[in-house]
Amino acid sequence: MDVTSLDMMTTPAALVDLDRVDANLKRVAAYTRQHGLRWRPHTKTHKTPELTALQLAAGAQGVTVATVREAEIMAAVCDDVLLAYPPVGAERLVRLMRLPPQVRLTVALDSGEALELLSREARRAGRTVGVLVELDLGMRRVGVQSPEDAVALALAVTYSSGLEYRGITFYAGHLRIPQAELGPAMREQAARLATYVEALTAAGLRPSTVSGGSTPTLWRSHEVTGLTEIRPGINIFNDRNSVSIGACAWNECAYSVLATVVSTSVPGQAVIDAGSKALAKEDGFTDTGVYGALLDLPDILVRGLSEEHGLLDLSSTAWRPRVGDRVRVVPNHACASVNLHDRLHLLRQGTWAGTHAITARGW
C-alpha cells in the first residue's frame, strides 16, 4: 500500500505508535530488572515477529505464545518459546515438533492425557520438550486443582521420555480490578502459590521456573513471593481496559483503530466505519455497553457496535464531527482487535512509518 499520511488510508486501519511502544517496553524492562524477574512477553497481543524482536532487544528473555501458529512465526526471531496452552491434537503436536531444533520449547500442561500425547510425539521427533505444570490459582479455566495433583503430574513428567520438568505456571486473569484494590488478592495468590511450591519441594521437585503474571497485575508482580518470570502481553500496546484499572495511563496507549465518520444523521451520535469486525465487541472491565473511546477525546465513548458500524456517543460533548472526519479509537481489548486486522500501520512522531503484516493469526 502506498501510504504517505493517515488521510490516505482505507479505514478501519490498525495503528501502532512506535514511540509509545518503545516507552512501554522500557518501563517493563526496568521493572523486571529492579525486581529480578525474567520477562517472557505474550505475543498473542501483536502477533508480529518484528514487535517480538523489539521486545527481545528491550530485554525480554523469551516469548510466550498461545497457538502453534504463533510459535512457528516467533521461532524465526526467538529461540526460547513457551506454549502456554495444552498441545492437544495430532496436527498441532506434529507442527510443534517441527519447530527449528535450536528452539528451546516449553509447554504448559495440566493433565496426564496431554502429557502422554506430548511425550509420544517428542520421542518420535527425537527432541526434548520442557514442561511447566499449570496451576489453577483462581482463574477457574485450566490448571491442576491441588498441590497433590501438581506433584503427581510433575512426577509423571520426570518419568516420561522426551520431556523435561522445568517448573510451574499459572495465569491470574481473574484479577482485573483497580490497582489500589489488588493488595489482598496478590497476597492470597502468593499464599496459594506457596502451598504448591512447598509440596513440590518436599517431593524433590522444587520448580526452577515459576511463571505467572499479566498486564493487570504487572506492576504488583514482585509481591508474589517465589515468582521468577512474568508474561504480560497487552502492556506493549495497552488499551482502555488497562487504563480503567490503573495498569497504565491513557497516554501510554500505543494501539488504536483509525476510523472514518460516515454518518451524523441521528442526533446525539456519530457513526464510524469501525464496528465489531475492527474493534471487537468486548465489554470493559469496569462498564458494559462501551467498546472503546477516542484517543484524542477519551470522554467520547463507543456505545454501540454492529459488524461495520460504531456509534460515538455525543450526548455529553459540544464536539460535532463531520462526515469524512477521521478519528482514532482505543478499543477495550487490544488483543482481540489486532486479531481482526491483517496489518499494523506504524507511526513515528505521528507520521506513517510503514507496516507489519500480522502473520501469526490463525491456529
Protein backbone atom coordinates (compact mmCIF):
# COMPACT_ATOMS: atom_id res chain seq x y z
CA MET A 1 0.00 0.00 0.00
CA ASP A 2 1.36 3.42 -0.98
CA VAL A 3 0.51 5.49 2.09
CA THR A 4 2.08 8.79 2.98
CA SER A 5 -0.46 10.08 5.52
CA LEU A 6 -3.32 8.84 7.65
CA ASP A 7 -5.73 10.67 5.34
CA MET A 8 -4.82 8.26 2.53
CA MET A 9 -5.55 5.08 4.47
CA THR A 10 -8.59 2.98 3.83
CA THR A 11 -10.40 2.63 7.13
CA PRO A 12 -10.75 0.95 9.51
CA ALA A 13 -6.99 0.56 9.96
CA ALA A 14 -4.95 -0.65 12.93
CA LEU A 15 -2.36 1.90 14.06
CA VAL A 16 0.64 1.45 16.35
CA ASP A 17 2.53 4.39 17.85
CA LEU A 18 6.08 3.07 18.00
CA ASP A 19 7.27 5.88 20.26
CA ARG A 20 4.75 4.76 22.87
CA VAL A 21 5.67 1.12 22.28
CA ASP A 22 9.32 1.91 22.98
CA ALA A 23 8.41 3.71 26.19
CA ASN A 24 6.13 0.87 27.32
CA LEU A 25 8.88 -1.70 26.75
CA LYS A 26 11.45 0.37 28.60
CA ARG A 27 9.16 0.61 31.62
CA VAL A 28 8.58 -3.12 31.94
CA ALA A 29 12.26 -3.90 31.28
CA ALA A 30 13.28 -1.55 34.09
CA TYR A 31 10.67 -3.06 36.43
CA THR A 32 11.77 -6.65 35.83
CA ARG A 33 15.44 -5.75 36.26
CA GLN A 34 14.66 -3.98 39.52
CA HIS A 35 12.83 -6.98 40.93
CA GLY A 36 14.95 -9.79 39.48
CA LEU A 37 12.18 -11.21 37.30
CA ARG A 38 12.54 -12.78 33.88
CA TRP A 39 10.34 -11.19 31.23
CA ARG A 40 8.63 -13.51 28.78
CA PRO A 41 6.01 -11.35 26.99
CA HIS A 42 2.93 -12.92 25.47
CA THR A 43 2.93 -12.32 21.72
CA LYS A 44 -0.79 -13.00 21.30
CA THR A 45 -1.31 -9.24 21.58
CA HIS A 46 0.60 -8.15 18.48
CA LYS A 47 1.20 -11.42 16.56
CA THR A 48 4.15 -9.98 14.63
CA PRO A 49 7.78 -11.12 14.71
CA GLU A 50 9.02 -7.56 14.24
CA LEU A 51 7.47 -6.43 17.51
CA THR A 52 8.75 -9.58 19.21
CA ALA A 53 12.22 -8.52 18.07
CA LEU A 54 11.67 -5.12 19.71
CA GLN A 55 10.69 -6.83 22.96
CA LEU A 56 13.79 -9.03 22.89
CA ALA A 57 16.00 -6.04 22.15
CA ALA A 58 14.46 -4.26 25.14
CA GLY A 59 15.38 -7.12 27.47
CA ALA A 60 12.80 -9.90 27.13
CA GLN A 61 14.33 -13.34 27.72
CA GLY A 62 11.95 -15.45 25.67
CA VAL A 63 8.37 -15.30 24.45
CA THR A 64 5.00 -16.77 25.30
CA VAL A 65 2.57 -17.97 22.63
CA ALA A 66 -0.97 -19.33 22.70
CA THR A 67 -1.06 -21.16 19.37
CA VAL A 68 1.22 -23.29 17.26
CA ARG A 69 0.95 -20.68 14.51
CA GLU A 70 2.33 -18.08 16.89
CA ALA A 71 5.12 -20.49 17.87
CA GLU A 72 6.02 -21.06 14.22
CA ILE A 73 6.21 -17.35 13.47
CA MET A 74 8.03 -16.30 16.65
CA ALA A 75 10.59 -19.11 16.36
CA ALA A 76 12.09 -17.16 13.46
CA VAL A 77 13.22 -14.41 15.85
CA CYS A 78 13.35 -16.10 19.26
CA ASP A 79 14.93 -19.41 20.32
CA ASP A 80 13.09 -19.71 23.66
CA VAL A 81 9.34 -20.29 23.30
CA LEU A 82 6.69 -21.16 25.87
CA LEU A 83 3.40 -22.51 24.54
CA ALA A 84 1.02 -21.55 27.34
CA TYR A 85 -1.76 -23.79 26.08
CA PRO A 86 -2.23 -27.57 26.29
CA PRO A 87 -0.95 -29.01 22.97
CA VAL A 88 -3.76 -31.47 22.33
CA GLY A 89 -4.43 -32.70 18.80
CA ALA A 90 -2.31 -34.68 16.33
CA GLU A 91 -1.79 -31.93 13.76
CA ARG A 92 -0.95 -29.39 16.47
CA LEU A 93 1.66 -31.70 18.00
CA VAL A 94 3.30 -32.62 14.70
CA ARG A 95 3.72 -28.97 13.77
CA LEU A 96 5.06 -28.16 17.21
CA MET A 97 7.77 -30.80 16.88
CA ARG A 98 8.78 -29.31 13.55
CA LEU A 99 9.94 -26.09 15.14
CA PRO A 100 13.65 -25.48 14.45
CA PRO A 101 15.79 -27.77 16.63
CA GLN A 102 17.62 -24.82 18.21
CA VAL A 103 14.38 -23.56 19.76
CA ARG A 104 14.12 -24.29 23.46
CA LEU A 105 10.48 -25.33 23.57
CA THR A 106 8.42 -25.45 26.76
CA VAL A 107 4.71 -26.20 27.08
CA ALA A 108 2.15 -25.81 29.86
CA LEU A 109 0.19 -28.93 30.82
CA ASP A 110 -2.46 -29.81 33.38
CA SER A 111 -3.34 -33.43 32.54
CA GLY A 112 -1.81 -36.84 32.14
CA GLU A 113 -3.56 -37.21 28.79
CA ALA A 114 -1.85 -34.14 27.33
CA LEU A 115 1.44 -35.29 28.84
CA GLU A 116 1.26 -38.71 27.17
CA LEU A 117 0.47 -37.22 23.78
CA LEU A 118 3.34 -34.75 24.03
CA SER A 119 5.79 -37.39 25.23
CA ARG A 120 4.92 -39.72 22.36
CA GLU A 121 5.36 -37.01 19.74
CA ALA A 122 8.59 -35.73 21.31
CA ARG A 123 10.04 -39.25 21.17
CA ARG A 124 9.07 -39.58 17.52
CA ALA A 125 10.70 -36.26 16.72
CA GLY A 126 13.82 -37.01 18.76
CA ARG A 127 13.66 -33.79 20.72
CA THR A 128 13.33 -32.81 24.37
CA VAL A 129 10.41 -30.61 25.32
CA GLY A 130 10.19 -28.78 28.61
CA VAL A 131 7.02 -28.88 30.69
CA LEU A 132 5.55 -26.41 33.15
CA VAL A 133 2.78 -27.84 35.29
CA GLU A 134 -0.20 -25.48 35.06
CA LEU A 135 -1.86 -24.46 38.33
CA ASP A 136 -5.31 -23.01 38.92
CA LEU A 137 -4.89 -20.18 41.43
CA GLY A 138 -8.39 -18.84 40.99
CA MET A 139 -8.99 -18.29 37.27
CA ARG A 140 -11.08 -21.48 37.07
CA ARG A 141 -10.17 -22.16 33.45
CA VAL A 142 -7.27 -24.60 33.30
CA GLY A 143 -4.77 -25.89 35.82
CA VAL A 144 -4.43 -28.66 38.40
CA GLN A 145 -6.62 -28.21 41.45
CA SER A 146 -4.37 -29.17 44.35
CA PRO A 147 -0.71 -29.38 45.38
CA GLU A 148 -1.05 -33.17 45.38
CA ASP A 149 -2.18 -33.10 41.75
CA ALA A 150 0.76 -30.87 40.87
CA VAL A 151 3.22 -33.28 42.48
CA ALA A 152 1.69 -36.26 40.69
CA LEU A 153 1.85 -34.56 37.30
CA ALA A 154 5.38 -33.26 37.85
CA LEU A 155 6.50 -36.77 38.78
CA ALA A 156 4.87 -38.14 35.64
CA VAL A 157 6.82 -35.62 33.58
CA THR A 158 10.11 -36.73 35.12
CA TYR A 159 9.35 -40.34 34.18
CA SER A 160 8.28 -39.52 30.61
CA SER A 161 10.86 -39.81 27.86
CA GLY A 162 11.23 -36.79 25.63
CA LEU A 163 10.05 -34.43 28.38
CA GLU A 164 11.85 -32.33 30.98
CA TYR A 165 10.21 -30.91 34.10
CA ARG A 166 11.02 -27.18 34.25
CA GLY A 167 8.63 -25.84 36.85
CA ILE A 168 5.13 -24.44 37.22
CA THR A 169 2.94 -21.79 35.64
CA PHE A 170 -0.33 -20.02 36.37
CA TYR A 171 -2.42 -17.19 34.98
CA ALA A 172 -4.32 -14.85 37.28
CA GLY A 173 -6.60 -13.46 34.58
CA HIS A 174 -9.42 -13.14 37.09
CA LEU A 175 -7.62 -10.27 38.83
CA ARG A 176 -9.00 -7.43 36.72
CA ILE A 177 -9.56 -4.88 39.43
CA PRO A 178 -8.19 -1.39 40.21
CA GLN A 179 -4.56 -1.36 41.25
CA ALA A 180 -5.41 0.13 44.64
CA GLU A 181 -7.57 -2.91 45.41
CA LEU A 182 -5.07 -5.56 44.32
CA GLY A 183 -3.18 -5.95 47.60
CA PRO A 184 -5.34 -8.61 49.29
CA ALA A 185 -5.74 -10.55 46.03
CA MET A 186 -2.00 -10.58 45.43
CA ARG A 187 -1.36 -11.79 48.99
CA GLU A 188 -3.90 -14.56 48.55
CA GLN A 189 -2.29 -15.54 45.25
CA ALA A 190 1.12 -15.66 46.89
CA ALA A 191 -0.20 -17.80 49.75
CA ARG A 192 -1.87 -20.29 47.40
CA LEU A 193 1.24 -20.47 45.24
CA ALA A 194 3.37 -21.17 48.30
CA THR A 195 1.38 -24.33 49.10
CA TYR A 196 2.23 -25.71 45.66
CA VAL A 197 5.90 -24.78 45.84
CA GLU A 198 6.20 -26.31 49.30
CA ALA A 199 4.58 -29.58 48.22
CA LEU A 200 6.75 -29.85 45.11
CA THR A 201 9.91 -29.02 47.07
CA ALA A 202 9.08 -31.66 49.67
CA ALA A 203 8.77 -34.20 46.85
CA GLY A 204 12.17 -33.24 45.45
CA LEU A 205 10.59 -31.30 42.60
CA ARG A 206 11.31 -27.70 43.52
CA PRO A 207 10.35 -25.64 40.44
CA SER A 208 13.23 -23.75 38.86
CA THR A 209 10.70 -21.68 36.93
CA VAL A 210 7.59 -20.14 38.49
CA SER A 211 5.88 -18.35 35.64
CA GLY A 212 2.88 -16.07 36.03
CA GLY A 213 1.74 -12.52 35.68
CA SER A 214 -0.49 -10.48 33.40
CA THR A 215 -0.86 -6.87 32.36
CA PRO A 216 -3.49 -6.11 35.04
CA THR A 217 -1.15 -7.41 37.77
CA LEU A 218 2.14 -6.46 36.07
CA TRP A 219 3.32 -3.74 38.42
CA ARG A 220 2.48 -5.78 41.55
CA SER A 221 4.23 -8.97 40.38
CA HIS A 222 7.06 -8.57 42.89
CA GLU A 223 4.54 -9.06 45.69
CA VAL A 224 4.16 -12.74 44.75
CA THR A 225 6.98 -14.45 46.62
CA GLY A 226 8.70 -17.12 44.56
CA LEU A 227 7.64 -15.78 41.16
CA THR A 228 10.57 -15.98 38.74
CA GLU A 229 9.11 -14.73 35.44
CA ILE A 230 6.16 -12.74 34.15
CA ARG A 231 4.21 -12.98 30.89
CA PRO A 232 2.35 -9.71 30.26
CA GLY A 233 1.06 -9.28 26.73
CA ILE A 234 -1.16 -6.23 26.43
CA ASN A 235 1.31 -3.81 28.01
CA ILE A 236 3.23 -3.39 24.76
CA PHE A 237 0.12 -1.59 23.44
CA ASN A 238 -2.15 -1.11 26.46
CA ASP A 239 -5.87 -0.49 25.94
CA ARG A 240 -8.95 1.04 27.51
CA ASN A 241 -9.36 -1.86 29.93
CA SER A 242 -5.79 -1.41 31.18
CA VAL A 243 -6.41 2.29 31.75
CA SER A 244 -9.69 1.63 33.56
CA ILE A 245 -7.96 -0.35 36.33
CA GLY A 246 -4.89 1.87 36.57
CA ALA A 247 -2.43 -0.52 34.94
CA CYS A 248 -1.36 2.29 32.59
CA ALA A 249 -2.08 5.91 31.75
CA TRP A 250 -4.13 6.99 28.75
CA ASN A 251 -1.05 8.47 27.07
CA GLU A 252 0.57 5.02 27.24
CA CYS A 253 -1.96 3.52 24.82
CA ALA A 254 0.03 2.72 21.68
CA TYR A 255 -2.70 0.92 19.70
CA SER A 256 -5.74 2.47 18.10
CA VAL A 257 -8.05 1.93 15.16
CA LEU A 258 -8.32 4.69 12.61
CA ALA A 259 -11.94 5.16 11.52
CA THR A 260 -13.94 7.48 9.33
CA VAL A 261 -17.15 9.25 10.33
CA VAL A 262 -19.75 8.01 7.83
CA SER A 263 -22.97 9.45 9.26
CA THR A 264 -24.17 12.16 11.65
CA SER A 265 -27.85 11.96 10.77
CA VAL A 266 -29.09 10.70 14.13
CA PRO A 267 -28.95 13.46 16.77
CA GLY A 268 -26.52 12.93 19.61
CA GLN A 269 -24.30 10.44 17.85
CA ALA A 270 -21.86 9.92 15.02
CA VAL A 271 -21.36 6.67 13.15
CA ILE A 272 -17.88 5.44 12.23
CA ASP A 273 -16.87 2.64 9.90
CA ALA A 274 -15.17 0.63 12.67
CA GLY A 275 -17.59 -1.94 14.05
CA SER A 276 -17.23 -5.25 15.82
CA LYS A 277 -15.11 -6.59 12.93
CA ALA A 278 -12.47 -3.94 13.64
CA LEU A 279 -12.71 -3.17 17.36
CA ALA A 280 -14.02 -6.47 18.81
CA LYS A 281 -17.22 -6.42 20.82
CA GLU A 282 -15.97 -6.85 24.37
CA ASP A 283 -17.38 -5.04 27.38
CA GLY A 284 -14.98 -3.08 29.52
CA PHE A 285 -13.59 -4.28 32.83
CA THR A 286 -15.47 -1.53 34.64
CA ASP A 287 -18.51 -0.91 32.42
CA THR A 288 -20.83 -2.62 29.97
CA GLY A 289 -22.17 -1.39 26.66
CA VAL A 290 -18.99 0.59 25.98
CA TYR A 291 -16.47 -0.76 23.48
CA GLY A 292 -13.81 1.92 23.21
CA ALA A 293 -13.04 5.62 23.41
CA LEU A 294 -11.44 8.21 21.14
CA LEU A 295 -7.70 8.50 21.61
CA ASP A 296 -7.70 12.30 21.37
CA LEU A 297 -11.07 12.77 23.12
CA PRO A 298 -11.24 9.94 25.69
CA ASP A 299 -14.53 11.14 27.15
CA ILE A 300 -16.24 10.29 23.86
CA LEU A 301 -17.21 6.65 24.05
CA VAL A 302 -18.16 3.98 21.53
CA ARG A 303 -21.52 2.96 22.98
CA GLY A 304 -22.77 0.71 20.23
CA LEU A 305 -21.28 -1.74 17.75
CA SER A 306 -22.64 -3.75 14.88
CA GLU A 307 -20.47 -5.51 12.35
CA GLU A 308 -19.50 -2.48 10.27
CA HIS A 309 -20.79 0.43 12.38
CA GLY A 310 -19.56 2.04 15.59
CA LEU A 311 -21.72 4.56 17.42
CA LEU A 312 -19.98 7.50 19.08
CA ASP A 313 -21.97 8.98 21.95
CA LEU A 314 -22.00 12.79 21.57
CA SER A 315 -24.65 13.47 24.19
CA SER A 316 -22.23 14.99 26.71
CA THR A 317 -19.93 16.93 24.38
CA ALA A 318 -20.10 20.02 22.22
CA TRP A 319 -17.79 18.38 19.67
CA ARG A 320 -19.58 17.65 16.43
CA PRO A 321 -17.64 15.76 13.76
CA ARG A 322 -18.45 15.99 10.08
CA VAL A 323 -18.90 13.14 7.64
CA GLY A 324 -15.45 12.26 6.37
CA ASP A 325 -13.60 13.22 9.56
CA ARG A 326 -11.04 10.73 10.87
CA VAL A 327 -10.91 9.55 14.47
CA ARG A 328 -8.74 7.08 16.36
CA VAL A 329 -10.44 4.61 18.69
CA VAL A 330 -8.73 2.84 21.58
CA PRO A 331 -10.64 -0.44 21.97
CA ASN A 332 -11.36 -2.09 25.30
CA HIS A 333 -9.16 -5.08 24.45
CA ALA A 334 -6.23 -4.59 22.09
CA CYS A 335 -5.52 -8.31 21.54
CA ALA A 336 -8.99 -9.07 20.24
CA SER A 337 -8.93 -6.07 17.91
CA VAL A 338 -5.48 -6.77 16.44
CA ASN A 339 -6.58 -10.29 15.53
CA LEU A 340 -9.24 -8.81 13.23
CA HIS A 341 -6.74 -6.95 11.03
CA ASP A 342 -4.18 -8.15 8.52
CA ARG A 343 -1.57 -5.45 9.12
CA LEU A 344 -0.39 -2.88 11.62
CA HIS A 345 0.29 0.63 10.33
CA LEU A 346 3.25 2.10 12.19
CA LEU A 347 3.66 5.69 13.33
CA ARG A 348 6.77 7.58 14.38
CA GLN A 349 6.20 11.05 15.82
CA GLY A 350 2.71 10.93 14.35
CA THR A 351 3.91 10.16 10.83
CA TRP A 352 3.28 6.93 8.95
CA ALA A 353 6.42 4.76 9.07
CA GLY A 354 5.46 1.52 7.31
CA THR A 355 3.52 -1.63 8.12
CA HIS A 356 3.93 -5.01 9.76
CA ALA A 357 1.87 -7.90 8.46
CA ILE A 358 0.06 -9.68 11.31
CA THR A 359 1.44 -13.05 10.27
CA ALA A 360 0.74 -15.07 13.42
CA ARG A 361 -3.06 -15.05 13.14
CA GLY A 362 -4.69 -18.46 12.96
CA TRP A 363 -4.02 -21.70 14.74
